[in-house]
Amino acid sequence: MVNKAHTATARRIAARYNATFSPNGPYDIVGADITIEIETSATLAEGVERLQGAQGARYIAVTNKEAIVEAMRLTAGSGIGVMDPNGEIMKQAGNG
């Protein structure tokens, strides 16, 4: 089943960062030096796990603002950044 919020968020953020949305790829969005996983509240943990192997700046982007707090908690100390549904960076990606 296709999640419309996931697809809409992914397309919006891919356009913003001039990156490619690959719904069947290993990661949702890949750019020159950025990898982004789009996640719902229910799939945040899986997204964080998937991003562990990604190169460059890694971000979890949530499909709704209510998921931001949980995304921040799950990415604490991981080096994975957090974006809101519009691609605004809530937590910068880093080294930990």
PDB file of N, CA and C in Angstrom:
ATOM      1  N   MET A   1       0.836  -1.184   0.000  1.00  0.00           N
ATOM      2  CA  MET A   1       0.000   0.000   0.000  1.00  0.00           C
ATOM      3  C   MET A   1       0.883   1.250   0.000  1.00  0.00           C
ATOM      4  N   VAL A   2       0.570   2.180  -0.856  1.00  0.00           N
ATOM      5  CA  VAL A   2       1.329   3.418  -0.966  1.00  0.00           C
ATOM      6  C   VAL A   2       0.819   4.414   0.072  1.00  0.00           C
ATOM      7  N   ASN A   3       1.743   5.012   0.795  1.00  0.00           N
ATOM      8  CA  ASN A   3       1.393   6.033   1.772  1.00  0.00           C
ATOM      9  C   ASN A   3       1.490   7.386   1.073  1.00  0.00           C
ATOM     10  N   LYS A   4       0.352   8.032   0.882  1.00  0.00           N
ATOM     11  CA  LYS A   4       0.322   9.302   0.142  1.00  0.00           C
ATOM     12  C   LYS A   4       1.121  10.397   0.836  1.00  0.00           C
ATOM     13  N   ALA A   5       1.080  10.430   2.160  1.00  0.00           N
ATOM     14  CA  ALA A   5       1.849  11.444   2.894  1.00  0.00           C
ATOM     15  C   ALA A   5       3.346  11.229   2.676  1.00  0.00           C
ATOM     16  N   HIS A   6       3.770   9.974   2.662  1.00  0.00           N
ATOM     17  CA  HIS A   6       5.178   9.641   2.426  1.00  0.00           C
ATOM     18  C   HIS A   6       5.602  10.125   1.043  1.00  0.00           C
ATOM     19  N   THR A   7       4.822   9.791   0.032  1.00  0.00           N
ATOM     20  CA  THR A   7       5.154  10.165  -1.341  1.00  0.00           C
ATOM     21  C   THR A   7       5.165  11.679  -1.522  1.00  0.00           C
ATOM     22  N   ALA A   8       4.167  12.356  -0.995  1.00  0.00           N
ATOM     23  CA  ALA A   8       4.100  13.817  -1.126  1.00  0.00           C
ATOM     24  C   ALA A   8       5.278  14.487  -0.425  1.00  0.00           C
ATOM     25  N   THR A   9       5.595  14.020   0.770  1.00  0.00           N
ATOM     26  CA  THR A   9       6.722  14.580   1.521  1.00  0.00           C
ATOM     27  C   THR A   9       8.028  14.329   0.777  1.00  0.00           C
ATOM     28  N   ALA A  10       8.205  13.124   0.273  1.00  0.00           N
ATOM     29  CA  ALA A  10       9.435  12.777  -0.443  1.00  0.00           C
ATOM     30  C   ALA A  10       9.608  13.633  -1.694  1.00  0.00           C
ATOM     31  N   ARG A  11       8.562  13.800  -2.452  1.00  0.00           N
ATOM     32  CA  ARG A  11       8.663  14.620  -3.676  1.00  0.00           C
ATOM     33  C   ARG A  11       8.987  16.074  -3.345  1.00  0.00           C
ATOM     34  N   ARG A  12       8.343  16.597  -2.326  1.00  0.00           N
ATOM     35  CA  ARG A  12       8.569  17.990  -1.918  1.00  0.00           C
ATOM     36  C   ARG A  12      10.024  18.198  -1.475  1.00  0.00           C
ATOM     37  N   ILE A  13      10.524  17.288  -0.649  1.00  0.00           N
ATOM     38  CA  ILE A  13      11.885  17.437  -0.124  1.00  0.00           C
ATOM     39  C   ILE A  13      12.928  17.168  -1.210  1.00  0.00           C
ATOM     40  N   ALA A  14      12.693  16.195  -2.065  1.00  0.00           N
ATOM     41  CA  ALA A  14      13.633  15.920  -3.161  1.00  0.00           C
ATOM     42  C   ALA A  14      13.773  17.149  -4.057  1.00  0.00           C
ATOM     43  N   ALA A  15      12.664  17.799  -4.358  1.00  0.00           N
ATOM     44  CA  ALA A  15      12.716  19.008  -5.189  1.00  0.00           C
ATOM     45  C   ALA A  15      13.482  20.118  -4.470  1.00  0.00           C
ATOM     46  N   ARG A  16      13.239  20.258  -3.200  1.00  0.00           N
ATOM     47  CA  ARG A  16      13.900  21.314  -2.425  1.00  0.00           C
ATOM     48  C   ARG A  16      15.416  21.143  -2.402  1.00  0.00           C
ATOM     49  N   TYR A  17      15.876  19.900  -2.303  1.00  0.00           N
ATOM     50  CA  TYR A  17      17.309  19.632  -2.195  1.00  0.00           C
ATOM     51  C   TYR A  17      17.934  19.179  -3.516  1.00  0.00           C
ATOM     52  N   ASN A  18      17.187  19.332  -4.605  1.00  0.00           N
ATOM     53  CA  ASN A  18      17.679  18.962  -5.935  1.00  0.00           C
ATOM     54  C   ASN A  18      18.256  17.543  -5.911  1.00  0.00           C
ATOM     55  N   ALA A  19      17.489  16.650  -5.340  1.00  0.00           N
ATOM     56  CA  ALA A  19      17.910  15.260  -5.176  1.00  0.00           C
ATOM     57  C   ALA A  19      16.893  14.349  -5.860  1.00  0.00           C
ATOM     58  N   THR A  20      17.164  13.067  -5.847  1.00  0.00           N
ATOM     59  CA  THR A  20      16.319  12.097  -6.532  1.00  0.00           C
ATOM     60  C   THR A  20      15.507  11.282  -5.533  1.00  0.00           C
ATOM     61  N   PHE A  21      14.198  11.247  -5.761  1.00  0.00           N
ATOM     62  CA  PHE A  21      13.306  10.396  -4.973  1.00  0.00           C
ATOM     63  C   PHE A  21      13.262   9.041  -5.657  1.00  0.00           C
ATOM     64  N   SER A  22      13.658   8.008  -4.937  1.00  0.00           N
ATOM     65  CA  SER A  22      13.684   6.643  -5.471  1.00  0.00           C
ATOM     66  C   SER A  22      12.842   5.742  -4.576  1.00  0.00           C
ATOM     67  N   PRO A  23      11.540   5.649  -4.846  1.00  0.00           N
ATOM     68  CA  PRO A  23      10.671   4.864  -3.966  1.00  0.00           C
ATOM     69  C   PRO A  23      11.061   3.390  -3.855  1.00  0.00           C
ATOM     70  N   ASN A  24      11.782   2.874  -4.833  1.00  0.00           N
ATOM     71  CA  ASN A  24      12.196   1.471  -4.784  1.00  0.00           C
ATOM     72  C   ASN A  24      13.690   1.304  -4.531  1.00  0.00           C
ATOM     73  N   GLY A  25      14.363   2.406  -4.218  1.00  0.00           N
ATOM     74  CA  GLY A  25      15.803   2.344  -3.976  1.00  0.00           C
ATOM     75  C   GLY A  25      16.116   2.004  -2.530  1.00  0.00           C
ATOM     76  N   PRO A  26      17.394   1.909  -2.216  1.00  0.00           N
ATOM     77  CA  PRO A  26      17.780   1.593  -0.835  1.00  0.00           C
ATOM     78  C   PRO A  26      17.432   2.722   0.138  1.00  0.00           C
ATOM     79  N   TYR A  27      17.403   3.960  -0.369  1.00  0.00           N
ATOM     80  CA  TYR A  27      17.030   5.123   0.439  1.00  0.00           C
ATOM     81  C   TYR A  27      15.984   5.914  -0.333  1.00  0.00           C
ATOM     82  N   ASP A  28      15.138   6.644   0.379  1.00  0.00           N
ATOM     83  CA  ASP A  28      14.072   7.396  -0.280  1.00  0.00           C
ATOM     84  C   ASP A  28      14.603   8.505  -1.176  1.00  0.00           C
ATOM     85  N   ILE A  29      15.540   9.291  -0.657  1.00  0.00           N
ATOM     86  CA  ILE A  29      16.067  10.435  -1.401  1.00  0.00           C
ATOM     87  C   ILE A  29      17.584  10.413  -1.320  1.00  0.00           C
ATOM     88  N   VAL A  30      18.212  10.559  -2.483  1.00  0.00           N
ATOM     89  CA  VAL A  30      19.670  10.597  -2.528  1.00  0.00           C
ATOM     90  C   VAL A  30      20.088  11.789  -3.380  1.00  0.00           C
ATOM     91  N   GLY A  31      20.998  12.578  -2.827  1.00  0.00           N
ATOM     92  CA  GLY A  31      21.572  13.706  -3.547  1.00  0.00           C
ATOM     93  C   GLY A  31      23.079  13.565  -3.569  1.00  0.00           C
ATOM     94  N   ALA A  32      23.748  14.574  -4.065  1.00  0.00           N
ATOM     95  CA  ALA A  32      25.204  14.532  -4.196  1.00  0.00           C
ATOM     96  C   ALA A  32      25.892  14.233  -2.869  1.00  0.00           C
ATOM     97  N   ASP A  33      25.424  14.833  -1.797  1.00  0.00           N
ATOM     98  CA  ASP A  33      26.064  14.611  -0.496  1.00  0.00           C
ATOM     99  C   ASP A  33      25.042  14.527   0.630  1.00  0.00           C
ATOM    100  N   ILE A  34      23.848  14.031   0.288  1.00  0.00           N
ATOM    101  CA  ILE A  34      22.783  13.924   1.285  1.00  0.00           C
ATOM    102  C   ILE A  34      21.940  12.678   1.022  1.00  0.00           C
ATOM    103  N   THR A  35      21.551  12.021   2.100  1.00  0.00           N
ATOM    104  CA  THR A  35      20.646  10.875   2.026  1.00  0.00           C
ATOM    105  C   THR A  35      19.525  11.124   3.021  1.00  0.00           C
ATOM    106  N   ILE A  36      18.283  10.959   2.553  1.00  0.00           N
ATOM    107  CA  ILE A  36      17.125  11.257   3.392  1.00  0.00           C
ATOM    108  C   ILE A  36      16.154  10.087   3.351  1.00  0.00           C
ATOM    109  N   GLU A  37      15.708   9.685   4.516  1.00  0.00           N
ATOM    110  CA  GLU A  37      14.639   8.701   4.644  1.00  0.00           C
ATOM    111  C   GLU A  37      13.395   9.437   5.116  1.00  0.00           C
ATOM    112  N   ILE A  38      12.286   9.219   4.438  1.00  0.00           N
ATOM    113  CA  ILE A  38      11.007   9.808   4.822  1.00  0.00           C
ATOM    114  C   ILE A  38      10.280   8.780   5.675  1.00  0.00           C
ATOM    115  N   GLU A  39       9.852   9.191   6.861  1.00  0.00           N
ATOM    116  CA  GLU A  39       9.233   8.232   7.771  1.00  0.00           C
ATOM    117  C   GLU A  39       7.977   8.788   8.430  1.00  0.00           C
ATOM    118  N   THR A  40       7.055   7.886   8.682  1.00  0.00           N
ATOM    119  CA  THR A  40       5.881   8.196   9.489  1.00  0.00           C
ATOM    120  C   THR A  40       6.245   7.927  10.944  1.00  0.00           C
ATOM    121  N   SER A  41       5.374   8.277  11.839  1.00  0.00           N
ATOM    122  CA  SER A  41       5.619   7.995  13.262  1.00  0.00           C
ATOM    123  C   SER A  41       5.872   6.507  13.488  1.00  0.00           C
ATOM    124  N   ALA A  42       5.163   5.676  12.752  1.00  0.00           N
ATOM    125  CA  ALA A  42       5.256   4.225  12.939  1.00  0.00           C
ATOM    126  C   ALA A  42       6.537   3.620  12.378  1.00  0.00           C
ATOM    127  N   THR A  43       7.218   4.320  11.469  1.00  0.00           N
ATOM    128  CA  THR A  43       8.385   3.723  10.809  1.00  0.00           C
ATOM    129  C   THR A  43       9.705   4.423  11.136  1.00  0.00           C
ATOM    130  N   LEU A  44       9.690   5.307  12.101  1.00  0.00           N
ATOM    131  CA  LEU A  44      10.907   6.067  12.427  1.00  0.00           C
ATOM    132  C   LEU A  44      12.100   5.176  12.762  1.00  0.00           C
ATOM    133  N   ALA A  45      11.902   4.185  13.594  1.00  0.00           N
ATOM    134  CA  ALA A  45      13.019   3.332  14.023  1.00  0.00           C
ATOM    135  C   ALA A  45      13.649   2.606  12.839  1.00  0.00           C
ATOM    136  N   GLU A  46      12.827   2.133  11.913  1.00  0.00           N
ATOM    137  CA  GLU A  46      13.363   1.446  10.734  1.00  0.00           C
ATOM    138  C   GLU A  46      14.186   2.399   9.876  1.00  0.00           C
ATOM    139  N   GLY A  47      13.721   3.634   9.756  1.00  0.00           N
ATOM    140  CA  GLY A  47      14.456   4.623   8.971  1.00  0.00           C
ATOM    141  C   GLY A  47      15.814   4.944   9.566  1.00  0.00           C
ATOM    142  N   VAL A  48      15.859   5.084  10.879  1.00  0.00           N
ATOM    143  CA  VAL A  48      17.130   5.349  11.558  1.00  0.00           C
ATOM    144  C   VAL A  48      18.084   4.181  11.318  1.00  0.00           C
ATOM    145  N   GLU A  49      17.584   2.981  11.425  1.00  0.00           N
ATOM    146  CA  GLU A  49      18.417   1.797  11.205  1.00  0.00           C
ATOM    147  C   GLU A  49      18.950   1.752   9.772  1.00  0.00           C
ATOM    148  N   ARG A  50      18.082   2.019   8.795  1.00  0.00           N
ATOM    149  CA  ARG A  50      18.508   2.015   7.387  1.00  0.00           C
ATOM    150  C   ARG A  50      19.609   3.036   7.129  1.00  0.00           C
ATOM    151  N   LEU A  51      19.500   4.201   7.738  1.00  0.00           N
ATOM    152  CA  LEU A  51      20.472   5.263   7.486  1.00  0.00           C
ATOM    153  C   LEU A  51      21.848   4.994   8.087  1.00  0.00           C
ATOM    154  N   GLN A  52      21.971   4.026   8.951  1.00  0.00           N
ATOM    155  CA  GLN A  52      23.269   3.740   9.568  1.00  0.00           C
ATOM    156  C   GLN A  52      24.340   3.463   8.519  1.00  0.00           C
ATOM    157  N   GLY A  53      23.973   2.876   7.395  1.00  0.00           N
ATOM    158  CA  GLY A  53      24.952   2.542   6.363  1.00  0.00           C
ATOM    159  C   GLY A  53      25.125   3.590   5.280  1.00  0.00           C
ATOM    160  N   ALA A  54      24.414   4.692   5.372  1.00  0.00           N
ATOM    161  CA  ALA A  54      24.473   5.720   4.327  1.00  0.00           C
ATOM    162  C   ALA A  54      25.714   6.594   4.469  1.00  0.00           C
ATOM    163  N   GLN A  55      26.133   7.166   3.359  1.00  0.00           N
ATOM    164  CA  GLN A  55      27.284   8.062   3.325  1.00  0.00           C
ATOM    165  C   GLN A  55      26.812   9.510   3.279  1.00  0.00           C
ATOM    166  N   GLY A  56      27.676  10.427   3.683  1.00  0.00           N
ATOM    167  CA  GLY A  56      27.358  11.849   3.628  1.00  0.00           C
ATOM    168  C   GLY A  56      26.383  12.247   4.719  1.00  0.00           C
ATOM    169  N   ALA A  57      25.760  13.397   4.538  1.00  0.00           N
ATOM    170  CA  ALA A  57      24.780  13.887   5.507  1.00  0.00           C
ATOM    171  C   ALA A  57      23.545  12.993   5.454  1.00  0.00           C
ATOM    172  N   ARG A  58      23.118  12.530   6.618  1.00  0.00           N
ATOM    173  CA  ARG A  58      21.973  11.616   6.701  1.00  0.00           C
ATOM    174  C   ARG A  58      20.862  12.284   7.498  1.00  0.00           C
ATOM    175  N   TYR A  59      19.645  12.193   6.954  1.00  0.00           N
ATOM    176  CA  TYR A  59      18.497  12.817   7.611  1.00  0.00           C
ATOM    177  C   TYR A  59      17.291  11.899   7.617  1.00  0.00           C
ATOM    178  N   ILE A  60      16.526  12.009   8.692  1.00  0.00           N
ATOM    179  CA  ILE A  60      15.175  11.457   8.764  1.00  0.00           C
ATOM    180  C   ILE A  60      14.255  12.651   8.563  1.00  0.00           C
ATOM    181  N   ALA A  61      13.337  12.536   7.624  1.00  0.00           N
ATOM    182  CA  ALA A  61      12.310  13.559   7.444  1.00  0.00           C
ATOM    183  C   ALA A  61      10.978  12.926   7.815  1.00  0.00           C
ATOM    184  N   VAL A  62      10.224  13.610   8.634  1.00  0.00           N
ATOM    185  CA  VAL A  62       8.950  13.062   9.100  1.00  0.00           C
ATOM    186  C   VAL A  62       7.803  13.557   8.230  1.00  0.00           C
ATOM    187  N   THR A  63       6.741  12.766   8.181  1.00  0.00           N
ATOM    188  CA  THR A  63       5.583  13.136   7.370  1.00  0.00           C
ATOM    189  C   THR A  63       4.607  14.024   8.123  1.00  0.00           C
ATOM    190  N   ASN A  64       4.798  14.159   9.435  1.00  0.00           N
ATOM    191  CA  ASN A  64       3.948  15.068  10.213  1.00  0.00           C
ATOM    192  C   ASN A  64       4.756  15.642  11.367  1.00  0.00           C
ATOM    193  N   LYS A  65       4.431  16.860  11.734  1.00  0.00           N
ATOM    194  CA  LYS A  65       5.207  17.563  12.764  1.00  0.00           C
ATOM    195  C   LYS A  65       5.145  16.880  14.122  1.00  0.00           C
ATOM    196  N   GLU A  66       4.092  16.128  14.374  1.00  0.00           N
ATOM    197  CA  GLU A  66       3.958  15.442  15.658  1.00  0.00           C
ATOM    198  C   GLU A  66       5.063  14.405  15.867  1.00  0.00           C
ATOM    199  N   ALA A  67       5.673  13.942  14.801  1.00  0.00           N
ATOM    200  CA  ALA A  67       6.716  12.915  14.898  1.00  0.00           C
ATOM    201  C   ALA A  67       8.107  13.493  15.165  1.00  0.00           C
ATOM    202  N   ILE A  68       8.251  14.801  15.138  1.00  0.00           N
ATOM    203  CA  ILE A  68       9.576  15.411  15.290  1.00  0.00           C
ATOM    204  C   ILE A  68      10.215  15.070  16.638  1.00  0.00           C
ATOM    205  N   VAL A  69       9.462  15.146  17.709  1.00  0.00           N
ATOM    206  CA  VAL A  69      10.028  14.871  19.039  1.00  0.00           C
ATOM    207  C   VAL A  69      10.568  13.445  19.102  1.00  0.00           C
ATOM    208  N   GLU A  70       9.811  12.492  18.595  1.00  0.00           N
ATOM    209  CA  GLU A  70      10.264  11.096  18.607  1.00  0.00           C
ATOM    210  C   GLU A  70      11.472  10.908  17.688  1.00  0.00           C
ATOM    211  N   ALA A  71      11.480  11.579  16.553  1.00  0.00           N
ATOM    212  CA  ALA A  71      12.628  11.495  15.642  1.00  0.00           C
ATOM    213  C   ALA A  71      13.885  12.040  16.314  1.00  0.00           C
ATOM    214  N   MET A  72      13.749  13.130  17.045  1.00  0.00           N
ATOM    215  CA  MET A  72      14.892  13.700  17.767  1.00  0.00           C
ATOM    216  C   MET A  72      15.408  12.708  18.809  1.00  0.00           C
ATOM    217  N   ARG A  73      14.497  12.061  19.498  1.00  0.00           N
ATOM    218  CA  ARG A  73      14.888  11.087  20.522  1.00  0.00           C
ATOM    219  C   ARG A  73      15.630   9.910  19.893  1.00  0.00           C
ATOM    220  N   LEU A  74      15.081   9.382  18.804  1.00  0.00           N
ATOM    221  CA  LEU A  74      15.671   8.203  18.165  1.00  0.00           C
ATOM    222  C   LEU A  74      17.017   8.483  17.497  1.00  0.00           C
ATOM    223  N   THR A  75      17.241   9.717  17.092  1.00  0.00           N
ATOM    224  CA  THR A  75      18.492  10.044  16.403  1.00  0.00           C
ATOM    225  C   THR A  75      19.554  10.631  17.325  1.00  0.00           C
ATOM    226  N   ALA A  76      19.231  10.821  18.584  1.00  0.00           N
ATOM    227  CA  ALA A  76      20.191  11.405  19.529  1.00  0.00           C
ATOM    228  C   ALA A  76      21.496  10.610  19.523  1.00  0.00           C
ATOM    229  N   GLY A  77      22.593  11.305  19.319  1.00  0.00           N
ATOM    230  CA  GLY A  77      23.907  10.678  19.349  1.00  0.00           C
ATOM    231  C   GLY A  77      24.265   9.856  18.127  1.00  0.00           C
ATOM    232  N   SER A  78      23.421   9.848  17.115  1.00  0.00           N
ATOM    233  CA  SER A  78      23.641   8.989  15.948  1.00  0.00           C
ATOM    234  C   SER A  78      24.330   9.692  14.786  1.00  0.00           C
ATOM    235  N   GLY A  79      24.333  11.015  14.798  1.00  0.00           N
ATOM    236  CA  GLY A  79      24.840  11.757  13.649  1.00  0.00           C
ATOM    237  C   GLY A  79      23.797  11.959  12.569  1.00  0.00           C
ATOM    238  N   ILE A  80      22.608  11.410  12.772  1.00  0.00           N
ATOM    239  CA  ILE A  80      21.516  11.552  11.808  1.00  0.00           C
ATOM    240  C   ILE A  80      20.713  12.795  12.168  1.00  0.00           C
ATOM    241  N   GLY A  81      20.482  13.644  11.170  1.00  0.00           N
ATOM    242  CA  GLY A  81      19.707  14.853  11.381  1.00  0.00           C
ATOM    243  C   GLY A  81      18.220  14.598  11.214  1.00  0.00           C
ATOM    244  N   VAL A  82      17.432  15.617  11.537  1.00  0.00           N
ATOM    245  CA  VAL A  82      15.972  15.514  11.462  1.00  0.00           C
ATOM    246  C   VAL A  82      15.428  16.694  10.663  1.00  0.00           C
ATOM    247  N   MET A  83      14.487  16.398   9.772  1.00  0.00           N
ATOM    248  CA  MET A  83      13.790  17.417   8.987  1.00  0.00           C
ATOM    249  C   MET A  83      12.299  17.333   9.253  1.00  0.00           C
ATOM    250  N   ASP A  84      11.641  18.486   9.124  1.00  0.00           N
ATOM    251  CA  ASP A  84      10.183  18.490   9.215  1.00  0.00           C
ATOM    252  C   ASP A  84       9.601  18.095   7.848  1.00  0.00           C
ATOM    253  N   PRO A  85       8.280  18.039   7.704  1.00  0.00           N
ATOM    254  CA  PRO A  85       7.683  17.590   6.440  1.00  0.00           C
ATOM    255  C   PRO A  85       7.979  18.485   5.233  1.00  0.00           C
ATOM    256  N   ASN A  86       8.460  19.700   5.477  1.00  0.00           N
ATOM    257  CA  ASN A  86       8.801  20.603   4.379  1.00  0.00           C
ATOM    258  C   ASN A  86      10.291  20.616   4.064  1.00  0.00           C
ATOM    259  N   GLY A  87      11.056  19.816   4.786  1.00  0.00           N
ATOM    260  CA  GLY A  87      12.493  19.768   4.556  1.00  0.00           C
ATOM    261  C   GLY A  87      13.290  20.770   5.365  1.00  0.00           C
ATOM    262  N   GLU A  88      12.622  21.457   6.295  1.00  0.00           N
ATOM    263  CA  GLU A  88      13.344  22.365   7.192  1.00  0.00           C
ATOM    264  C   GLU A  88      14.149  21.519   8.173  1.00  0.00           C
ATOM    265  N   ILE A  89      15.398  21.867   8.352  1.00  0.00           N
ATOM    266  CA  ILE A  89      16.254  21.101   9.252  1.00  0.00           C
ATOM    267  C   ILE A  89      15.960  21.489  10.699  1.00  0.00           C
ATOM    268  N   MET A  90      15.530  20.505  11.462  1.00  0.00           N
ATOM    269  CA  MET A  90      15.249  20.686  12.883  1.00  0.00           C
ATOM    270  C   MET A  90      16.472  20.327  13.719  1.00  0.00           C
ATOM    271  N   LYS A  91      17.261  19.384  13.205  1.00  0.00           N
ATOM    272  CA  LYS A  91      18.503  18.960  13.857  1.00  0.00           C
ATOM    273  C   LYS A  91      19.504  18.680  12.743  1.00  0.00           C
ATOM    274  N   GLN A  92      20.618  19.357  12.788  1.00  0.00           N
ATOM    275  CA  GLN A  92      21.651  19.214  11.767  1.00  0.00           C
ATOM    276  C   GLN A  92      22.294  17.830  11.843  1.00  0.00           C
ATOM    277  N   ALA A  93      22.561  17.242  10.697  1.00  0.00           N
ATOM    278  CA  ALA A  93      23.308  15.983  10.665  1.00  0.00           C
ATOM    279  C   ALA A  93      24.737  16.270  11.092  1.00  0.00           C
ATOM    280  N   GLY A  94      25.345  15.313  11.752  1.00  0.00           N
ATOM    281  CA  GLY A  94      26.710  15.513  12.227  1.00  0.00           C
ATOM    282  C   GLY A  94      27.400  14.200  12.469  1.00  0.00           C
ATOM    283  N   ASN A  95      28.349  14.230  13.330  1.00  0.00           N
ATOM    284  CA  ASN A  95      29.157  13.042  13.604  1.00  0.00           C
ATOM    285  C   ASN A  95      28.731  12.296  14.857  1.00  0.00           C
ATOM    286  N   GLY A  96      27.598  12.628  15.403  1.00  0.00           N
ATOM    287  CA  GLY A  96      27.210  11.899  16.600  1.00  0.00           C
ATOM    288  C   GLY A  96      26.324  12.673  17.497  1.00  0.00           C
TER     289      GLY A  96
END
